[in-house]
């Protein structure tokens, strides 16, 4: 089982390994929003506070949309993320996309 901490909402949720963040957010009430769900709008930008190694690899959509320094700083597009295993802590706020 994986565990995701949604810092802004002070919510912790256990989920099956390999679940997409979109599916996880459907199971739990959090304020993280999704728009296009295809990695092109940036509505679901978030920052991985802890557990980057427990997430799926950065997608081409994320590389196209986000600045390299933001990716290196832990920013991801929530619609592109799967929680592979372990513990992950996420936070989110305004957009900084290209």
PDB file of N, CA and C in Angstrom:
ATOM      1  N   UNK A   1       0.837  -1.190   0.000  1.00  0.00           N
ATOM      2  CA  UNK A   1       0.000   0.000   0.000  1.00  0.00           C
ATOM      3  C   UNK A   1       0.881   1.252   0.000  1.00  0.00           C
ATOM      4  N   UNK A   2       0.432   2.237  -0.737  1.00  0.00           N
ATOM      5  CA  UNK A   2       1.091   3.537  -0.769  1.00  0.00           C
ATOM      6  C   UNK A   2       0.319   4.491   0.132  1.00  0.00           C
ATOM      7  N   UNK A   3       0.972   5.586   0.515  1.00  0.00           N
ATOM      8  CA  UNK A   3       0.316   6.590   1.349  1.00  0.00           C
ATOM      9  C   UNK A   3       0.622   7.967   0.766  1.00  0.00           C
ATOM     10  N   UNK A   4      -0.433   8.765   0.552  1.00  0.00           N
ATOM     11  CA  UNK A   4      -0.277  10.106   0.005  1.00  0.00           C
ATOM     12  C   UNK A   4      -0.763  11.110   1.038  1.00  0.00           C
ATOM     13  N   UNK A   5       0.095  12.098   1.313  1.00  0.00           N
ATOM     14  CA  UNK A   5      -0.271  13.195   2.216  1.00  0.00           C
ATOM     15  C   UNK A   5      -0.527  14.419   1.344  1.00  0.00           C
ATOM     16  N   UNK A   6      -1.736  14.963   1.437  1.00  0.00           N
ATOM     17  CA  UNK A   6      -2.113  16.177   0.720  1.00  0.00           C
ATOM     18  C   UNK A   6      -1.991  17.335   1.717  1.00  0.00           C
ATOM     19  N   UNK A   7      -0.827  17.979   1.748  1.00  0.00           N
ATOM     20  CA  UNK A   7      -0.524  18.973   2.775  1.00  0.00           C
ATOM     21  C   UNK A   7      -1.533  20.118   2.878  1.00  0.00           C
ATOM     22  N   UNK A   8      -1.930  20.776   1.779  1.00  0.00           N
ATOM     23  CA  UNK A   8      -2.825  21.920   1.917  1.00  0.00           C
ATOM     24  C   UNK A   8      -4.148  21.592   2.603  1.00  0.00           C
ATOM     25  N   UNK A   9      -4.603  20.353   2.452  1.00  0.00           N
ATOM     26  CA  UNK A   9      -5.878  19.945   3.029  1.00  0.00           C
ATOM     27  C   UNK A   9      -5.731  19.135   4.306  1.00  0.00           C
ATOM     28  N   UNK A  10      -4.467  18.887   4.722  1.00  0.00           N
ATOM     29  CA  UNK A  10      -4.201  18.088   5.911  1.00  0.00           C
ATOM     30  C   UNK A  10      -4.924  16.737   5.849  1.00  0.00           C
ATOM     31  N   UNK A  11      -4.785  16.082   4.681  1.00  0.00           N
ATOM     32  CA  UNK A  11      -5.440  14.793   4.443  1.00  0.00           C
ATOM     33  C   UNK A  11      -4.369  13.758   4.101  1.00  0.00           C
ATOM     34  N   UNK A  12      -4.482  12.582   4.702  1.00  0.00           N
ATOM     35  CA  UNK A  12      -3.612  11.452   4.382  1.00  0.00           C
ATOM     36  C   UNK A  12      -4.496  10.317   3.883  1.00  0.00           C
ATOM     37  N   UNK A  13      -4.062   9.677   2.801  1.00  0.00           N
ATOM     38  CA  UNK A  13      -4.884   8.620   2.209  1.00  0.00           C
ATOM     39  C   UNK A  13      -4.006   7.450   1.788  1.00  0.00           C
ATOM     40  N   UNK A  14      -4.403   6.252   2.173  1.00  0.00           N
ATOM     41  CA  UNK A  14      -3.712   5.038   1.728  1.00  0.00           C
ATOM     42  C   UNK A  14      -4.377   4.542   0.452  1.00  0.00           C
ATOM     43  N   UNK A  15      -3.546   4.041  -0.472  1.00  0.00           N
ATOM     44  CA  UNK A  15      -4.074   3.587  -1.747  1.00  0.00           C
ATOM     45  C   UNK A  15      -3.252   2.403  -2.254  1.00  0.00           C
ATOM     46  N   UNK A  16      -3.758   1.757  -3.268  1.00  0.00           N
ATOM     47  CA  UNK A  16      -3.049   0.654  -3.901  1.00  0.00           C
ATOM     48  C   UNK A  16      -1.814   1.181  -4.623  1.00  0.00           C
ATOM     49  N   UNK A  17      -0.744   0.420  -4.609  1.00  0.00           N
ATOM     50  CA  UNK A  17       0.440   0.774  -5.384  1.00  0.00           C
ATOM     51  C   UNK A  17       0.070   0.894  -6.855  1.00  0.00           C
ATOM     52  N   UNK A  18       0.629   1.903  -7.528  1.00  0.00           N
ATOM     53  CA  UNK A  18       0.418   2.076  -8.957  1.00  0.00           C
ATOM     54  C   UNK A  18      -0.799   2.881  -9.350  1.00  0.00           C
ATOM     55  N   UNK A  19      -1.559   3.398  -8.393  1.00  0.00           N
ATOM     56  CA  UNK A  19      -2.753   4.172  -8.717  1.00  0.00           C
ATOM     57  C   UNK A  19      -2.382   5.545  -9.261  1.00  0.00           C
ATOM     58  N   UNK A  20      -3.195   6.037 -10.182  1.00  0.00           N
ATOM     59  CA  UNK A  20      -2.998   7.393 -10.683  1.00  0.00           C
ATOM     60  C   UNK A  20      -3.494   8.379  -9.627  1.00  0.00           C
ATOM     61  N   UNK A  21      -2.883   9.557  -9.623  1.00  0.00           N
ATOM     62  CA  UNK A  21      -3.295  10.578  -8.666  1.00  0.00           C
ATOM     63  C   UNK A  21      -4.732  11.013  -8.919  1.00  0.00           C
ATOM     64  N   UNK A  22      -5.140  11.037 -10.171  1.00  0.00           N
ATOM     65  CA  UNK A  22      -6.534  11.382 -10.491  1.00  0.00           C
ATOM     66  C   UNK A  22      -7.479  10.405  -9.788  1.00  0.00           C
ATOM     67  N   UNK A  23      -7.211   9.110  -9.888  1.00  0.00           N
ATOM     68  CA  UNK A  23      -8.074   8.103  -9.249  1.00  0.00           C
ATOM     69  C   UNK A  23      -8.045   8.240  -7.726  1.00  0.00           C
ATOM     70  N   UNK A  24      -6.876   8.533  -7.182  1.00  0.00           N
ATOM     71  CA  UNK A  24      -6.766   8.717  -5.733  1.00  0.00           C
ATOM     72  C   UNK A  24      -7.622   9.897  -5.292  1.00  0.00           C
ATOM     73  N   UNK A  25      -7.554  10.985  -6.042  1.00  0.00           N
ATOM     74  CA  UNK A  25      -8.325  12.183  -5.684  1.00  0.00           C
ATOM     75  C   UNK A  25      -9.828  11.969  -5.817  1.00  0.00           C
ATOM     76  N   UNK A  26     -10.235  11.011  -6.623  1.00  0.00           N
ATOM     77  CA  UNK A  26     -11.662  10.665  -6.704  1.00  0.00           C
ATOM     78  C   UNK A  26     -12.129   9.933  -5.451  1.00  0.00           C
ATOM     79  N   UNK A  27     -11.193   9.303  -4.738  1.00  0.00           N
ATOM     80  CA  UNK A  27     -11.532   8.553  -3.529  1.00  0.00           C
ATOM     81  C   UNK A  27     -11.559   9.419  -2.281  1.00  0.00           C
ATOM     82  N   UNK A  28     -10.894  10.564  -2.328  1.00  0.00           N
ATOM     83  CA  UNK A  28     -10.738  11.392  -1.139  1.00  0.00           C
ATOM     84  C   UNK A  28     -11.027  12.842  -1.509  1.00  0.00           C
ATOM     85  N   UNK A  29     -11.596  13.585  -0.567  1.00  0.00           N
ATOM     86  CA  UNK A  29     -11.956  14.970  -0.840  1.00  0.00           C
ATOM     87  C   UNK A  29     -10.772  15.891  -0.553  1.00  0.00           C
ATOM     88  N   UNK A  30     -10.145  16.383  -1.639  1.00  0.00           N
ATOM     89  CA  UNK A  30      -9.047  17.339  -1.536  1.00  0.00           C
ATOM     90  C   UNK A  30      -9.291  18.477  -2.521  1.00  0.00           C
ATOM     91  N   UNK A  31      -8.585  19.586  -2.318  1.00  0.00           N
ATOM     92  CA  UNK A  31      -8.803  20.772  -3.148  1.00  0.00           C
ATOM     93  C   UNK A  31      -7.957  20.821  -4.407  1.00  0.00           C
ATOM     94  N   UNK A  32      -7.152  19.788  -4.672  1.00  0.00           N
ATOM     95  CA  UNK A  32      -6.364  19.737  -5.895  1.00  0.00           C
ATOM     96  C   UNK A  32      -7.315  19.598  -7.082  1.00  0.00           C
ATOM     97  N   UNK A  33      -7.172  20.516  -8.045  1.00  0.00           N
ATOM     98  CA  UNK A  33      -8.054  20.518  -9.217  1.00  0.00           C
ATOM     99  C   UNK A  33      -7.369  19.919 -10.429  1.00  0.00           C
ATOM    100  N   UNK A  34      -8.170  19.369 -11.321  1.00  0.00           N
ATOM    101  CA  UNK A  34      -7.689  18.848 -12.597  1.00  0.00           C
ATOM    102  C   UNK A  34      -8.484  19.531 -13.703  1.00  0.00           C
ATOM    103  N   UNK A  35      -7.809  19.815 -14.820  1.00  0.00           N
ATOM    104  CA  UNK A  35      -8.475  20.434 -15.961  1.00  0.00           C
ATOM    105  C   UNK A  35      -8.592  19.450 -17.095  1.00  0.00           C
ATOM    106  N   UNK A  36      -7.652  19.540 -18.041  1.00  0.00           N
ATOM    107  CA  UNK A  36      -7.711  18.724 -19.259  1.00  0.00           C
ATOM    108  C   UNK A  36      -7.402  17.251 -19.011  1.00  0.00           C
ATOM    109  N   UNK A  37      -6.678  16.933 -17.977  1.00  0.00           N
ATOM    110  CA  UNK A  37      -6.205  15.583 -17.615  1.00  0.00           C
ATOM    111  C   UNK A  37      -5.275  14.971 -18.668  1.00  0.00           C
ATOM    112  N   UNK A  38      -4.724  15.811 -19.543  1.00  0.00           N
ATOM    113  CA  UNK A  38      -3.831  15.329 -20.594  1.00  0.00           C
ATOM    114  C   UNK A  38      -2.444  15.959 -20.523  1.00  0.00           C
ATOM    115  N   UNK A  39      -2.187  16.772 -19.495  1.00  0.00           N
ATOM    116  CA  UNK A  39      -0.876  17.375 -19.324  1.00  0.00           C
ATOM    117  C   UNK A  39      -0.628  18.609 -20.162  1.00  0.00           C
ATOM    118  N   UNK A  40      -1.698  19.300 -20.555  1.00  0.00           N
ATOM    119  CA  UNK A  40      -1.510  20.470 -21.408  1.00  0.00           C
ATOM    120  C   UNK A  40      -2.014  21.784 -20.818  1.00  0.00           C
ATOM    121  N   UNK A  41      -2.771  21.755 -19.729  1.00  0.00           N
ATOM    122  CA  UNK A  41      -3.352  23.006 -19.215  1.00  0.00           C
ATOM    123  C   UNK A  41      -2.682  23.538 -17.954  1.00  0.00           C
ATOM    124  N   UNK A  42      -2.085  22.679 -17.145  1.00  0.00           N
ATOM    125  CA  UNK A  42      -1.388  23.113 -15.942  1.00  0.00           C
ATOM    126  C   UNK A  42      -2.244  23.351 -14.715  1.00  0.00           C
ATOM    127  N   UNK A  43      -3.530  23.090 -14.800  1.00  0.00           N
ATOM    128  CA  UNK A  43      -4.414  23.304 -13.646  1.00  0.00           C
ATOM    129  C   UNK A  43      -3.963  22.479 -12.444  1.00  0.00           C
ATOM    130  N   UNK A  44      -3.419  21.295 -12.693  1.00  0.00           N
ATOM    131  CA  UNK A  44      -3.080  20.359 -11.621  1.00  0.00           C
ATOM    132  C   UNK A  44      -1.600  20.409 -11.209  1.00  0.00           C
ATOM    133  N   UNK A  45      -0.931  21.542 -11.451  1.00  0.00           N
ATOM    134  CA  UNK A  45       0.466  21.666 -11.027  1.00  0.00           C
ATOM    135  C   UNK A  45       0.566  21.461  -9.522  1.00  0.00           C
ATOM    136  N   UNK A  46       1.566  20.691  -9.118  1.00  0.00           N
ATOM    137  CA  UNK A  46       1.795  20.443  -7.699  1.00  0.00           C
ATOM    138  C   UNK A  46       3.285  20.301  -7.463  1.00  0.00           C
ATOM    139  N   UNK A  47       3.669  20.302  -6.200  1.00  0.00           N
ATOM    140  CA  UNK A  47       5.065  20.092  -5.833  1.00  0.00           C
ATOM    141  C   UNK A  47       5.151  18.880  -4.921  1.00  0.00           C
ATOM    142  N   UNK A  48       6.091  18.005  -5.237  1.00  0.00           N
ATOM    143  CA  UNK A  48       6.335  16.822  -4.419  1.00  0.00           C
ATOM    144  C   UNK A  48       7.289  17.231  -3.304  1.00  0.00           C
ATOM    145  N   UNK A  49       6.796  17.244  -2.081  1.00  0.00           N
ATOM    146  CA  UNK A  49       7.590  17.641  -0.916  1.00  0.00           C
ATOM    147  C   UNK A  49       8.504  16.497  -0.497  1.00  0.00           C
ATOM    148  N   UNK A  50       7.967  15.301  -0.481  1.00  0.00           N
ATOM    149  CA  UNK A  50       8.717  14.092  -0.119  1.00  0.00           C
ATOM    150  C   UNK A  50       8.237  12.935  -0.982  1.00  0.00           C
ATOM    151  N   UNK A  51       9.164  12.025  -1.299  1.00  0.00           N
ATOM    152  CA  UNK A  51       8.792  10.782  -1.966  1.00  0.00           C
ATOM    153  C   UNK A  51       8.820  10.814  -3.479  1.00  0.00           C
ATOM    154  N   UNK A  52       9.596  11.710  -4.079  1.00  0.00           N
ATOM    155  CA  UNK A  52       9.678  11.749  -5.552  1.00  0.00           C
ATOM    156  C   UNK A  52      10.004  10.394  -6.153  1.00  0.00           C
ATOM    157  N   UNK A  53      10.863   9.646  -5.451  1.00  0.00           N
ATOM    158  CA  UNK A  53      11.292   8.343  -5.953  1.00  0.00           C
ATOM    159  C   UNK A  53      10.156   7.319  -5.970  1.00  0.00           C
ATOM    160  N   UNK A  54       9.054   7.630  -5.302  1.00  0.00           N
ATOM    161  CA  UNK A  54       7.919   6.717  -5.234  1.00  0.00           C
ATOM    162  C   UNK A  54       6.856   6.992  -6.298  1.00  0.00           C
ATOM    163  N   UNK A  55       7.129   7.973  -7.161  1.00  0.00           N
ATOM    164  CA  UNK A  55       6.186   8.327  -8.211  1.00  0.00           C
ATOM    165  C   UNK A  55       6.651   7.806  -9.566  1.00  0.00           C
ATOM    166  N   UNK A  56       5.722   7.797 -10.510  1.00  0.00           N
ATOM    167  CA  UNK A  56       6.058   7.435 -11.884  1.00  0.00           C
ATOM    168  C   UNK A  56       7.063   8.431 -12.450  1.00  0.00           C
ATOM    169  N   UNK A  57       7.727   8.033 -13.522  1.00  0.00           N
ATOM    170  CA  UNK A  57       8.709   8.898 -14.164  1.00  0.00           C
ATOM    171  C   UNK A  57       8.029  10.125 -14.768  1.00  0.00           C
ATOM    172  N   UNK A  58       8.790  11.203 -14.882  1.00  0.00           N
ATOM    173  CA  UNK A  58       8.295  12.429 -15.508  1.00  0.00           C
ATOM    174  C   UNK A  58       7.946  12.125 -16.967  1.00  0.00           C
ATOM    175  N   UNK A  59       6.764  12.557 -17.387  1.00  0.00           N
ATOM    176  CA  UNK A  59       6.294  12.271 -18.743  1.00  0.00           C
ATOM    177  C   UNK A  59       6.766  13.332 -19.733  1.00  0.00           C
ATOM    178  N   UNK A  60       6.651  13.025 -21.010  1.00  0.00           N
ATOM    179  CA  UNK A  60       6.988  13.998 -22.061  1.00  0.00           C
ATOM    180  C   UNK A  60       6.083  15.219 -21.959  1.00  0.00           C
ATOM    181  N   UNK A  61       4.820  15.019 -21.587  1.00  0.00           N
ATOM    182  CA  UNK A  61       3.893  16.141 -21.423  1.00  0.00           C
ATOM    183  C   UNK A  61       4.391  17.092 -20.342  1.00  0.00           C
ATOM    184  N   UNK A  62       4.891  16.536 -19.251  1.00  0.00           N
ATOM    185  CA  UNK A  62       5.422  17.372 -18.180  1.00  0.00           C
ATOM    186  C   UNK A  62       6.677  18.110 -18.637  1.00  0.00           C
ATOM    187  N   UNK A  63       7.544  17.426 -19.375  1.00  0.00           N
ATOM    188  CA  UNK A  63       8.763  18.059 -19.884  1.00  0.00           C
ATOM    189  C   UNK A  63       8.426  19.198 -20.845  1.00  0.00           C
ATOM    190  N   UNK A  64       7.359  19.026 -21.630  1.00  0.00           N
ATOM    191  CA  UNK A  64       6.938  20.068 -22.564  1.00  0.00           C
ATOM    192  C   UNK A  64       6.303  21.253 -21.854  1.00  0.00           C
ATOM    193  N   UNK A  65       5.579  20.992 -20.770  1.00  0.00           N
ATOM    194  CA  UNK A  65       4.790  22.040 -20.119  1.00  0.00           C
ATOM    195  C   UNK A  65       5.552  22.793 -19.028  1.00  0.00           C
ATOM    196  N   UNK A  66       6.340  22.102 -18.237  1.00  0.00           N
ATOM    197  CA  UNK A  66       6.990  22.719 -17.078  1.00  0.00           C
ATOM    198  C   UNK A  66       8.435  23.098 -17.381  1.00  0.00           C
ATOM    199  N   UNK A  67       8.913  24.135 -16.707  1.00  0.00           N
ATOM    200  CA  UNK A  67      10.317  24.517 -16.821  1.00  0.00           C
ATOM    201  C   UNK A  67      11.197  23.425 -16.210  1.00  0.00           C
ATOM    202  N   UNK A  68      12.380  23.242 -16.756  1.00  0.00           N
ATOM    203  CA  UNK A  68      13.305  22.224 -16.250  1.00  0.00           C
ATOM    204  C   UNK A  68      13.632  22.450 -14.778  1.00  0.00           C
ATOM    205  N   UNK A  69      13.854  23.715 -14.385  1.00  0.00           N
ATOM    206  CA  UNK A  69      14.183  23.989 -12.983  1.00  0.00           C
ATOM    207  C   UNK A  69      13.013  23.673 -12.046  1.00  0.00           C
ATOM    208  N   UNK A  70      11.788  23.819 -12.554  1.00  0.00           N
ATOM    209  CA  UNK A  70      10.624  23.454 -11.744  1.00  0.00           C
ATOM    210  C   UNK A  70      10.538  21.938 -11.578  1.00  0.00           C
ATOM    211  N   UNK A  71      10.807  21.206 -12.655  1.00  0.00           N
ATOM    212  CA  UNK A  71      10.828  19.740 -12.566  1.00  0.00           C
ATOM    213  C   UNK A  71      11.891  19.286 -11.571  1.00  0.00           C
ATOM    214  N   UNK A  72      13.056  19.906 -11.649  1.00  0.00           N
ATOM    215  CA  UNK A  72      14.140  19.555 -10.729  1.00  0.00           C
ATOM    216  C   UNK A  72      13.781  19.904  -9.289  1.00  0.00           C
ATOM    217  N   UNK A  73      12.929  20.911  -9.100  1.00  0.00           N
ATOM    218  CA  UNK A  73      12.488  21.320  -7.772  1.00  0.00           C
ATOM    219  C   UNK A  73      11.318  20.509  -7.238  1.00  0.00           C
ATOM    220  N   UNK A  74      10.867  19.521  -8.007  1.00  0.00           N
ATOM    221  CA  UNK A  74       9.804  18.644  -7.531  1.00  0.00           C
ATOM    222  C   UNK A  74       8.432  18.940  -8.090  1.00  0.00           C
ATOM    223  N   UNK A  75       8.307  19.908  -9.016  1.00  0.00           N
ATOM    224  CA  UNK A  75       6.999  20.204  -9.581  1.00  0.00           C
ATOM    225  C   UNK A  75       6.598  19.108 -10.561  1.00  0.00           C
ATOM    226  N   UNK A  76       5.335  18.775 -10.544  1.00  0.00           N
ATOM    227  CA  UNK A  76       4.769  17.768 -11.453  1.00  0.00           C
ATOM    228  C   UNK A  76       3.376  18.222 -11.875  1.00  0.00           C
ATOM    229  N   UNK A  77       2.836  17.571 -12.877  1.00  0.00           N
ATOM    230  CA  UNK A  77       1.435  17.734 -13.258  1.00  0.00           C
ATOM    231  C   UNK A  77       0.687  16.547 -12.671  1.00  0.00           C
ATOM    232  N   UNK A  78      -0.251  16.829 -11.789  1.00  0.00           N
ATOM    233  CA  UNK A  78      -0.959  15.772 -11.076  1.00  0.00           C
ATOM    234  C   UNK A  78      -1.627  14.763 -11.978  1.00  0.00           C
ATOM    235  N   UNK A  79      -2.098  15.208 -13.137  1.00  0.00           N
ATOM    236  CA  UNK A  79      -2.791  14.294 -14.045  1.00  0.00           C
ATOM    237  C   UNK A  79      -1.849  13.279 -14.681  1.00  0.00           C
ATOM    238  N   UNK A  80      -0.546  13.505 -14.583  1.00  0.00           N
ATOM    239  CA  UNK A  80       0.441  12.612 -15.190  1.00  0.00           C
ATOM    240  C   UNK A  80       1.086  11.668 -14.174  1.00  0.00           C
ATOM    241  N   UNK A  81       0.730  11.827 -12.911  1.00  0.00           N
ATOM    242  CA  UNK A  81       1.424  11.127 -11.820  1.00  0.00           C
ATOM    243  C   UNK A  81       0.710   9.842 -11.419  1.00  0.00           C
ATOM    244  N   UNK A  82       1.514   8.804 -11.219  1.00  0.00           N
ATOM    245  CA  UNK A  82       1.044   7.577 -10.574  1.00  0.00           C
ATOM    246  C   UNK A  82       1.901   7.365  -9.335  1.00  0.00           C
ATOM    247  N   UNK A  83       1.277   6.911  -8.265  1.00  0.00           N
ATOM    248  CA  UNK A  83       1.994   6.618  -7.029  1.00  0.00           C
ATOM    249  C   UNK A  83       2.399   5.150  -7.095  1.00  0.00           C
ATOM    250  N   UNK A  84       3.678   4.909  -7.348  1.00  0.00           N
ATOM    251  CA  UNK A  84       4.156   3.548  -7.542  1.00  0.00           C
ATOM    252  C   UNK A  84       4.153   2.746  -6.247  1.00  0.00           C
ATOM    253  N   UNK A  85       4.578   3.386  -5.145  1.00  0.00           N
ATOM    254  CA  UNK A  85       4.705   2.683  -3.856  1.00  0.00           C
ATOM    255  C   UNK A  85       5.079   3.709  -2.791  1.00  0.00           C
ATOM    256  N   UNK A  86       5.102   3.279  -1.548  1.00  0.00           N
ATOM    257  CA  UNK A  86       5.647   4.084  -0.462  1.00  0.00           C
ATOM    258  C   UNK A  86       4.858   5.334  -0.124  1.00  0.00           C
ATOM    259  N   UNK A  87       5.550   6.248   0.553  1.00  0.00           N
ATOM    260  CA  UNK A  87       4.926   7.467   1.050  1.00  0.00           C
ATOM    261  C   UNK A  87       5.281   8.652   0.154  1.00  0.00           C
ATOM    262  N   UNK A  88       4.278   9.505  -0.080  1.00  0.00           N
ATOM    263  CA  UNK A  88       4.443  10.693  -0.904  1.00  0.00           C
ATOM    264  C   UNK A  88       3.731  11.845  -0.210  1.00  0.00           C
ATOM    265  N   UNK A  89       4.376  13.014  -0.173  1.00  0.00           N
ATOM    266  CA  UNK A  89       3.751  14.220   0.368  1.00  0.00           C
ATOM    267  C   UNK A  89       3.692  15.258  -0.744  1.00  0.00           C
ATOM    268  N   UNK A  90       2.492  15.827  -0.950  1.00  0.00           N
ATOM    269  CA  UNK A  90       2.258  16.777  -2.027  1.00  0.00           C
ATOM    270  C   UNK A  90       1.733  18.096  -1.502  1.00  0.00           C
ATOM    271  N   UNK A  91       2.064  19.178  -2.208  1.00  0.00           N
ATOM    272  CA  UNK A  91       1.468  20.481  -1.946  1.00  0.00           C
ATOM    273  C   UNK A  91       1.227  21.142  -3.293  1.00  0.00           C
ATOM    274  N   UNK A  92       0.411  22.182  -3.335  1.00  0.00           N
ATOM    275  CA  UNK A  92       0.131  22.870  -4.599  1.00  0.00           C
ATOM    276  C   UNK A  92      -0.280  24.305  -4.329  1.00  0.00           C
ATOM    277  N   UNK A  93      -0.091  25.132  -5.382  1.00  0.00           N
ATOM    278  CA  UNK A  93      -0.514  26.533  -5.369  1.00  0.00           C
ATOM    279  C   UNK A  93      -0.566  27.030  -6.798  1.00  0.00           C
ATOM    280  N   UNK A  94      -0.263  28.298  -7.059  1.00  0.00           N
ATOM    281  CA  UNK A  94      -0.401  28.900  -8.387  1.00  0.00           C
ATOM    282  C   UNK A  94       0.480  28.306  -9.466  1.00  0.00           C
ATOM    283  N   UNK A  95       0.170  28.679 -10.712  1.00  0.00           N
ATOM    284  CA  UNK A  95       0.872  28.166 -11.889  1.00  0.00           C
ATOM    285  C   UNK A  95       2.181  28.901 -12.143  1.00  0.00           C
ATOM    286  N   UNK A  96       3.201  28.160 -12.644  1.00  0.00           N
ATOM    287  CA  UNK A  96       4.463  28.741 -13.093  1.00  0.00           C
ATOM    288  C   UNK A  96       4.904  28.081 -14.390  1.00  0.00           C
ATOM    289  N   UNK A  97       3.976  27.741 -15.220  1.00  0.00           N
ATOM    290  CA  UNK A  97       4.309  27.006 -16.444  1.00  0.00           C
ATOM    291  C   UNK A  97       4.857  27.932 -17.523  1.00  0.00           C
ATOM    292  N   UNK A  98       5.423  27.324 -18.544  1.00  0.00           N
ATOM    293  CA  UNK A  98       5.953  28.067 -19.694  1.00  0.00           C
ATOM    294  C   UNK A  98       4.850  28.857 -20.345  1.00  0.00           C
TER     295      UNK A  98
END
